[in-house]
Amino acid sequence: METPEIPQKAPIRLEMEAGTYFWCTCGKSDNQPFCDGKHKGSSFSPEKVVFEEAKTVSWCACKHSGNGTFCDGSHKSL
């Protein structure tokens, strides 16, 4: 199993509009925390996230969260 790259050891906090987003799981995207297709040729694929309403989100940027796409503080132990 491949290990994701760690783009940063802090969450990316964003105001999100309702809609569908694709979270980068490989850590290689230049558009963190979102997928830009750099996972192609690897075992990674983006994770689909749907928001029914606008909300503030702390996206995981270390790619090691036990809470999937959202930060759980795992970056503090990396």
PDB file of N, CA and C in Angstrom:
ATOM      1  N   MET A   1       0.842  -1.189   0.000  1.00  0.00           N
ATOM      2  CA  MET A   1       0.000   0.000   0.000  1.00  0.00           C
ATOM      3  C   MET A   1       0.885   1.249   0.000  1.00  0.00           C
ATOM      4  N   GLU A   2       0.557   2.166  -0.864  1.00  0.00           N
ATOM      5  CA  GLU A   2       1.303   3.416  -0.951  1.00  0.00           C
ATOM      6  C   GLU A   2       0.969   4.329   0.228  1.00  0.00           C
ATOM      7  N   THR A   3       1.895   5.190   0.567  1.00  0.00           N
ATOM      8  CA  THR A   3       1.696   6.163   1.636  1.00  0.00           C
ATOM      9  C   THR A   3       1.482   7.532   1.007  1.00  0.00           C
ATOM     10  N   PRO A   4       0.481   8.288   1.454  1.00  0.00           N
ATOM     11  CA  PRO A   4       0.268   9.610   0.875  1.00  0.00           C
ATOM     12  C   PRO A   4       1.361  10.597   1.273  1.00  0.00           C
ATOM     13  N   GLU A   5       1.606  11.567   0.411  1.00  0.00           N
ATOM     14  CA  GLU A   5       2.502  12.662   0.758  1.00  0.00           C
ATOM     15  C   GLU A   5       1.801  13.550   1.773  1.00  0.00           C
ATOM     16  N   ILE A   6       2.579  14.332   2.536  1.00  0.00           N
ATOM     17  CA  ILE A   6       2.032  15.233   3.541  1.00  0.00           C
ATOM     18  C   ILE A   6       2.240  16.664   3.056  1.00  0.00           C
ATOM     19  N   PRO A   7       1.218  17.283   2.454  1.00  0.00           N
ATOM     20  CA  PRO A   7       1.381  18.637   1.947  1.00  0.00           C
ATOM     21  C   PRO A   7       1.600  19.679   3.048  1.00  0.00           C
ATOM     22  N   GLN A   8       0.967  19.482   4.207  1.00  0.00           N
ATOM     23  CA  GLN A   8       1.195  20.362   5.355  1.00  0.00           C
ATOM     24  C   GLN A   8       0.682  19.693   6.614  1.00  0.00           C
ATOM     25  N   LYS A   9       1.260  20.101   7.752  1.00  0.00           N
ATOM     26  CA  LYS A   9       0.884  19.506   9.040  1.00  0.00           C
ATOM     27  C   LYS A   9      -0.024  20.435   9.823  1.00  0.00           C
ATOM     28  N   ALA A  10      -1.053  20.894   9.161  1.00  0.00           N
ATOM     29  CA  ALA A  10      -2.102  21.718   9.767  1.00  0.00           C
ATOM     30  C   ALA A  10      -3.321  21.620   8.860  1.00  0.00           C
ATOM     31  N   PRO A  11      -4.525  21.734   9.410  1.00  0.00           N
ATOM     32  CA  PRO A  11      -5.720  21.656   8.572  1.00  0.00           C
ATOM     33  C   PRO A  11      -5.845  22.871   7.655  1.00  0.00           C
ATOM     34  N   ILE A  12      -6.633  22.703   6.616  1.00  0.00           N
ATOM     35  CA  ILE A  12      -6.962  23.807   5.713  1.00  0.00           C
ATOM     36  C   ILE A  12      -8.414  24.169   6.010  1.00  0.00           C
ATOM     37  N   ARG A  13      -8.607  25.305   6.639  1.00  0.00           N
ATOM     38  CA  ARG A  13      -9.948  25.737   7.058  1.00  0.00           C
ATOM     39  C   ARG A  13     -10.545  26.637   5.979  1.00  0.00           C
ATOM     40  N   LEU A  14     -11.696  26.222   5.446  1.00  0.00           N
ATOM     41  CA  LEU A  14     -12.335  26.948   4.356  1.00  0.00           C
ATOM     42  C   LEU A  14     -13.837  27.080   4.579  1.00  0.00           C
ATOM     43  N   GLU A  15     -14.382  28.163   4.082  1.00  0.00           N
ATOM     44  CA  GLU A  15     -15.830  28.357   4.013  1.00  0.00           C
ATOM     45  C   GLU A  15     -16.292  27.670   2.731  1.00  0.00           C
ATOM     46  N   MET A  16     -17.106  26.639   2.850  1.00  0.00           N
ATOM     47  CA  MET A  16     -17.543  25.876   1.690  1.00  0.00           C
ATOM     48  C   MET A  16     -19.003  26.171   1.365  1.00  0.00           C
ATOM     49  N   GLU A  17     -19.272  26.303   0.095  1.00  0.00           N
ATOM     50  CA  GLU A  17     -20.641  26.442  -0.385  1.00  0.00           C
ATOM     51  C   GLU A  17     -21.240  25.041  -0.523  1.00  0.00           C
ATOM     52  N   ALA A  18     -22.556  24.948  -0.564  1.00  0.00           N
ATOM     53  CA  ALA A  18     -23.205  23.662  -0.835  1.00  0.00           C
ATOM     54  C   ALA A  18     -22.703  23.170  -2.188  1.00  0.00           C
ATOM     55  N   GLY A  19     -22.475  21.877  -2.289  1.00  0.00           N
ATOM     56  CA  GLY A  19     -22.007  21.323  -3.554  1.00  0.00           C
ATOM     57  C   GLY A  19     -21.193  20.068  -3.364  1.00  0.00           C
ATOM     58  N   THR A  20     -20.613  19.591  -4.450  1.00  0.00           N
ATOM     59  CA  THR A  20     -19.815  18.372  -4.464  1.00  0.00           C
ATOM     60  C   THR A  20     -18.352  18.727  -4.658  1.00  0.00           C
ATOM     61  N   TYR A  21     -17.500  18.118  -3.850  1.00  0.00           N
ATOM     62  CA  TYR A  21     -16.064  18.375  -3.888  1.00  0.00           C
ATOM     63  C   TYR A  21     -15.329  17.039  -3.888  1.00  0.00           C
ATOM     64  N   PHE A  22     -14.098  17.039  -4.390  1.00  0.00           N
ATOM     65  CA  PHE A  22     -13.283  15.832  -4.411  1.00  0.00           C
ATOM     66  C   PHE A  22     -11.984  16.115  -3.671  1.00  0.00           C
ATOM     67  N   TRP A  23     -11.856  15.506  -2.482  1.00  0.00           N
ATOM     68  CA  TRP A  23     -10.716  15.691  -1.597  1.00  0.00           C
ATOM     69  C   TRP A  23      -9.539  14.848  -2.078  1.00  0.00           C
ATOM     70  N   CYS A  24      -8.371  15.442  -2.146  1.00  0.00           N
ATOM     71  CA  CYS A  24      -7.141  14.761  -2.549  1.00  0.00           C
ATOM     72  C   CYS A  24      -6.729  13.779  -1.460  1.00  0.00           C
ATOM     73  N   THR A  25      -6.506  12.524  -1.825  1.00  0.00           N
ATOM     74  CA  THR A  25      -6.057  11.510  -0.868  1.00  0.00           C
ATOM     75  C   THR A  25      -4.565  11.208  -0.993  1.00  0.00           C
ATOM     76  N   CYS A  26      -3.953  11.569  -2.127  1.00  0.00           N
ATOM     77  CA  CYS A  26      -2.543  11.227  -2.363  1.00  0.00           C
ATOM     78  C   CYS A  26      -1.571  12.262  -1.809  1.00  0.00           C
ATOM     79  N   GLY A  27      -2.028  13.497  -1.639  1.00  0.00           N
ATOM     80  CA  GLY A  27      -1.177  14.561  -1.136  1.00  0.00           C
ATOM     81  C   GLY A  27      -0.362  15.266  -2.201  1.00  0.00           C
ATOM     82  N   LYS A  28      -0.503  14.890  -3.463  1.00  0.00           N
ATOM     83  CA  LYS A  28       0.297  15.468  -4.541  1.00  0.00           C
ATOM     84  C   LYS A  28      -0.355  16.647  -5.253  1.00  0.00           C
ATOM     85  N   SER A  29      -1.628  16.865  -5.031  1.00  0.00           N
ATOM     86  CA  SER A  29      -2.356  17.928  -5.730  1.00  0.00           C
ATOM     87  C   SER A  29      -1.755  19.308  -5.456  1.00  0.00           C
ATOM     88  N   ASP A  30      -1.693  20.135  -6.490  1.00  0.00           N
ATOM     89  CA  ASP A  30      -1.267  21.526  -6.333  1.00  0.00           C
ATOM     90  C   ASP A  30      -2.429  22.396  -5.886  1.00  0.00           C
ATOM     91  N   ASN A  31      -3.612  21.806  -5.770  1.00  0.00           N
ATOM     92  CA  ASN A  31      -4.836  22.532  -5.416  1.00  0.00           C
ATOM     93  C   ASN A  31      -5.394  22.017  -4.092  1.00  0.00           C
ATOM     94  N   GLN A  32      -4.534  21.798  -3.092  1.00  0.00           N
ATOM     95  CA  GLN A  32      -4.957  21.257  -1.795  1.00  0.00           C
ATOM     96  C   GLN A  32      -6.062  22.113  -1.180  1.00  0.00           C
ATOM     97  N   PRO A  33      -7.042  21.480  -0.586  1.00  0.00           N
ATOM     98  CA  PRO A  33      -7.163  20.057  -0.273  1.00  0.00           C
ATOM     99  C   PRO A  33      -7.870  19.254  -1.358  1.00  0.00           C
ATOM    100  N   PHE A  34      -8.042  19.841  -2.528  1.00  0.00           N
ATOM    101  CA  PHE A  34      -8.838  19.215  -3.575  1.00  0.00           C
ATOM    102  C   PHE A  34      -7.984  18.507  -4.620  1.00  0.00           C
ATOM    103  N   CYS A  35      -8.568  17.506  -5.246  1.00  0.00           N
ATOM    104  CA  CYS A  35      -7.898  16.705  -6.254  1.00  0.00           C
ATOM    105  C   CYS A  35      -7.684  17.496  -7.546  1.00  0.00           C
ATOM    106  N   ASP A  36      -6.490  17.329  -8.132  1.00  0.00           N
ATOM    107  CA  ASP A  36      -6.228  17.899  -9.458  1.00  0.00           C
ATOM    108  C   ASP A  36      -5.769  16.820 -10.437  1.00  0.00           C
ATOM    109  N   GLY A  37      -5.916  15.558 -10.062  1.00  0.00           N
ATOM    110  CA  GLY A  37      -5.613  14.448 -10.950  1.00  0.00           C
ATOM    111  C   GLY A  37      -4.203  13.893 -10.853  1.00  0.00           C
ATOM    112  N   LYS A  38      -3.378  14.419  -9.968  1.00  0.00           N
ATOM    113  CA  LYS A  38      -1.992  13.954  -9.860  1.00  0.00           C
ATOM    114  C   LYS A  38      -1.881  12.540  -9.295  1.00  0.00           C
ATOM    115  N   HIS A  39      -2.966  11.970  -8.812  1.00  0.00           N
ATOM    116  CA  HIS A  39      -2.961  10.598  -8.302  1.00  0.00           C
ATOM    117  C   HIS A  39      -2.910   9.568  -9.427  1.00  0.00           C
ATOM    118  N   LYS A  40      -3.161   9.975 -10.654  1.00  0.00           N
ATOM    119  CA  LYS A  40      -3.235   9.017 -11.775  1.00  0.00           C
ATOM    120  C   LYS A  40      -1.972   8.171 -11.848  1.00  0.00           C
ATOM    121  N   GLY A  41      -2.170   6.867 -11.995  1.00  0.00           N
ATOM    122  CA  GLY A  41      -1.063   5.925 -12.035  1.00  0.00           C
ATOM    123  C   GLY A  41      -0.682   5.396 -10.661  1.00  0.00           C
ATOM    124  N   SER A  42      -1.406   5.820  -9.630  1.00  0.00           N
ATOM    125  CA  SER A  42      -1.147   5.346  -8.269  1.00  0.00           C
ATOM    126  C   SER A  42      -2.364   4.568  -7.773  1.00  0.00           C
ATOM    127  N   SER A  43      -2.291   4.105  -6.538  1.00  0.00           N
ATOM    128  CA  SER A  43      -3.423   3.380  -5.952  1.00  0.00           C
ATOM    129  C   SER A  43      -4.441   4.325  -5.321  1.00  0.00           C
ATOM    130  N   PHE A  44      -4.187   5.628  -5.377  1.00  0.00           N
ATOM    131  CA  PHE A  44      -5.072   6.613  -4.759  1.00  0.00           C
ATOM    132  C   PHE A  44      -6.186   7.048  -5.704  1.00  0.00           C
ATOM    133  N   SER A  45      -7.303   7.453  -5.117  1.00  0.00           N
ATOM    134  CA  SER A  45      -8.382   8.083  -5.865  1.00  0.00           C
ATOM    135  C   SER A  45      -9.017   9.114  -4.937  1.00  0.00           C
ATOM    136  N   PRO A  46      -9.566  10.185  -5.504  1.00  0.00           N
ATOM    137  CA  PRO A  46     -10.138  11.223  -4.651  1.00  0.00           C
ATOM    138  C   PRO A  46     -11.373  10.740  -3.902  1.00  0.00           C
ATOM    139  N   GLU A  47     -11.648  11.407  -2.800  1.00  0.00           N
ATOM    140  CA  GLU A  47     -12.825  11.073  -1.999  1.00  0.00           C
ATOM    141  C   GLU A  47     -13.889  12.140  -2.221  1.00  0.00           C
ATOM    142  N   LYS A  48     -15.060  11.700  -2.626  1.00  0.00           N
ATOM    143  CA  LYS A  48     -16.175  12.600  -2.897  1.00  0.00           C
ATOM    144  C   LYS A  48     -16.802  13.072  -1.593  1.00  0.00           C
ATOM    145  N   VAL A  49     -17.016  14.387  -1.489  1.00  0.00           N
ATOM    146  CA  VAL A  49     -17.646  14.990  -0.317  1.00  0.00           C
ATOM    147  C   VAL A  49     -18.783  15.878  -0.807  1.00  0.00           C
ATOM    148  N   VAL A  50     -19.970  15.711  -0.242  1.00  0.00           N
ATOM    149  CA  VAL A  50     -21.131  16.506  -0.643  1.00  0.00           C
ATOM    150  C   VAL A  50     -21.634  17.291   0.562  1.00  0.00           C
ATOM    151  N   PHE A  51     -21.789  18.599   0.377  1.00  0.00           N
ATOM    152  CA  PHE A  51     -22.371  19.454   1.409  1.00  0.00           C
ATOM    153  C   PHE A  51     -23.746  19.900   0.933  1.00  0.00           C
ATOM    154  N   GLU A  52     -24.742  19.696   1.769  1.00  0.00           N
ATOM    155  CA  GLU A  52     -26.110  20.101   1.437  1.00  0.00           C
ATOM    156  C   GLU A  52     -26.330  21.586   1.698  1.00  0.00           C
ATOM    157  N   GLU A  53     -25.469  22.161   2.543  1.00  0.00           N
ATOM    158  CA  GLU A  53     -25.568  23.585   2.858  1.00  0.00           C
ATOM    159  C   GLU A  53     -24.171  24.134   3.097  1.00  0.00           C
ATOM    160  N   ALA A  54     -24.034  25.450   3.059  1.00  0.00           N
ATOM    161  CA  ALA A  54     -22.737  26.091   3.289  1.00  0.00           C
ATOM    162  C   ALA A  54     -22.286  25.820   4.723  1.00  0.00           C
ATOM    163  N   LYS A  55     -20.966  25.648   4.892  1.00  0.00           N
ATOM    164  CA  LYS A  55     -20.418  25.407   6.232  1.00  0.00           C
ATOM    165  C   LYS A  55     -18.920  25.673   6.226  1.00  0.00           C
ATOM    166  N   THR A  56     -18.369  25.882   7.410  1.00  0.00           N
ATOM    167  CA  THR A  56     -16.931  26.025   7.576  1.00  0.00           C
ATOM    168  C   THR A  56     -16.352  24.639   7.855  1.00  0.00           C
ATOM    169  N   VAL A  57     -15.282  24.293   7.129  1.00  0.00           N
ATOM    170  CA  VAL A  57     -14.708  22.957   7.215  1.00  0.00           C
ATOM    171  C   VAL A  57     -13.208  23.046   7.477  1.00  0.00           C
ATOM    172  N   SER A  58     -12.713  22.165   8.330  1.00  0.00           N
ATOM    173  CA  SER A  58     -11.275  21.999   8.539  1.00  0.00           C
ATOM    174  C   SER A  58     -10.858  20.728   7.813  1.00  0.00           C
ATOM    175  N   TRP A  59     -10.406  20.898   6.580  1.00  0.00           N
ATOM    176  CA  TRP A  59      -9.983  19.777   5.752  1.00  0.00           C
ATOM    177  C   TRP A  59      -8.654  19.220   6.258  1.00  0.00           C
ATOM    178  N   CYS A  60      -8.503  17.917   6.231  1.00  0.00           N
ATOM    179  CA  CYS A  60      -7.236  17.287   6.585  1.00  0.00           C
ATOM    180  C   CYS A  60      -6.231  17.569   5.468  1.00  0.00           C
ATOM    181  N   ALA A  61      -5.058  18.092   5.834  1.00  0.00           N
ATOM    182  CA  ALA A  61      -4.004  18.347   4.849  1.00  0.00           C
ATOM    183  C   ALA A  61      -2.816  17.417   5.047  1.00  0.00           C
ATOM    184  N   CYS A  62      -2.795  16.650   6.145  1.00  0.00           N
ATOM    185  CA  CYS A  62      -1.679  15.718   6.366  1.00  0.00           C
ATOM    186  C   CYS A  62      -1.965  14.356   5.732  1.00  0.00           C
ATOM    187  N   LYS A  63      -3.221  14.119   5.393  1.00  0.00           N
ATOM    188  CA  LYS A  63      -3.678  12.877   4.755  1.00  0.00           C
ATOM    189  C   LYS A  63      -3.579  11.659   5.671  1.00  0.00           C
ATOM    190  N   HIS A  64      -3.541  11.889   6.981  1.00  0.00           N
ATOM    191  CA  HIS A  64      -3.464  10.792   7.954  1.00  0.00           C
ATOM    192  C   HIS A  64      -4.597  10.825   8.985  1.00  0.00           C
ATOM    193  N   SER A  65      -5.598  11.648   8.781  1.00  0.00           N
ATOM    194  CA  SER A  65      -6.699  11.780   9.729  1.00  0.00           C
ATOM    195  C   SER A  65      -7.492  10.478   9.848  1.00  0.00           C
ATOM    196  N   GLY A  66      -7.843  10.135  11.055  1.00  0.00           N
ATOM    197  CA  GLY A  66      -8.730   9.001  11.285  1.00  0.00           C
ATOM    198  C   GLY A  66     -10.170   9.379  10.991  1.00  0.00           C
ATOM    199  N   ASN A  67     -10.381  10.650  10.683  1.00  0.00           N
ATOM    200  CA  ASN A  67     -11.703  11.194  10.390  1.00  0.00           C
ATOM    201  C   ASN A  67     -11.849  11.448   8.890  1.00  0.00           C
ATOM    202  N   GLY A  68     -11.082  10.728   8.074  1.00  0.00           N
ATOM    203  CA  GLY A  68     -11.181  10.866   6.620  1.00  0.00           C
ATOM    204  C   GLY A  68     -10.784  12.240   6.122  1.00  0.00           C
ATOM    205  N   THR A  69     -11.685  12.884   5.440  1.00  0.00           N
ATOM    206  CA  THR A  69     -11.417  14.168   4.799  1.00  0.00           C
ATOM    207  C   THR A  69     -11.236  15.311   5.786  1.00  0.00           C
ATOM    208  N   PHE A  70     -11.705  15.128   6.995  1.00  0.00           N
ATOM    209  CA  PHE A  70     -11.703  16.217   7.972  1.00  0.00           C
ATOM    210  C   PHE A  70     -10.648  16.010   9.053  1.00  0.00           C
ATOM    211  N   CYS A  71     -10.031  17.089   9.474  1.00  0.00           N
ATOM    212  CA  CYS A  71      -8.944  17.054  10.455  1.00  0.00           C
ATOM    213  C   CYS A  71      -9.422  16.498  11.805  1.00  0.00           C
ATOM    214  N   ASP A  72      -8.593  15.615  12.369  1.00  0.00           N
ATOM    215  CA  ASP A  72      -8.850  15.106  13.719  1.00  0.00           C
ATOM    216  C   ASP A  72      -7.648  15.348  14.641  1.00  0.00           C
ATOM    217  N   GLY A  73      -6.668  16.130  14.155  1.00  0.00           N
ATOM    218  CA  GLY A  73      -5.488  16.427  14.958  1.00  0.00           C
ATOM    219  C   GLY A  73      -4.344  15.450  14.767  1.00  0.00           C
ATOM    220  N   SER A  74      -4.497  14.467  13.884  1.00  0.00           N
ATOM    221  CA  SER A  74      -3.441  13.467  13.665  1.00  0.00           C
ATOM    222  C   SER A  74      -2.122  14.086  13.234  1.00  0.00           C
ATOM    223  N   HIS A  75      -2.173  15.257  12.602  1.00  0.00           N
ATOM    224  CA  HIS A  75      -0.958  15.922  12.128  1.00  0.00           C
ATOM    225  C   HIS A  75       0.007  16.254  13.278  1.00  0.00           C
ATOM    226  N   LYS A  76      -0.523  16.350  14.483  1.00  0.00           N
ATOM    227  CA  LYS A  76       0.321  16.693  15.649  1.00  0.00           C
ATOM    228  C   LYS A  76       1.289  15.577  16.013  1.00  0.00           C
ATOM    229  N   SER A  77       1.011  14.350  15.554  1.00  0.00           N
ATOM    230  CA  SER A  77       1.887  13.223  15.893  1.00  0.00           C
ATOM    231  C   SER A  77       2.772  12.787  14.716  1.00  0.00           C
ATOM    232  N   LEU A  78       2.775  13.540  13.649  1.00  0.00           N
ATOM    233  CA  LEU A  78       3.590  13.178  12.480  1.00  0.00           C
ATOM    234  C   LEU A  78       4.971  13.781  12.566  1.00  0.00           C
TER     235      LEU A  78
END
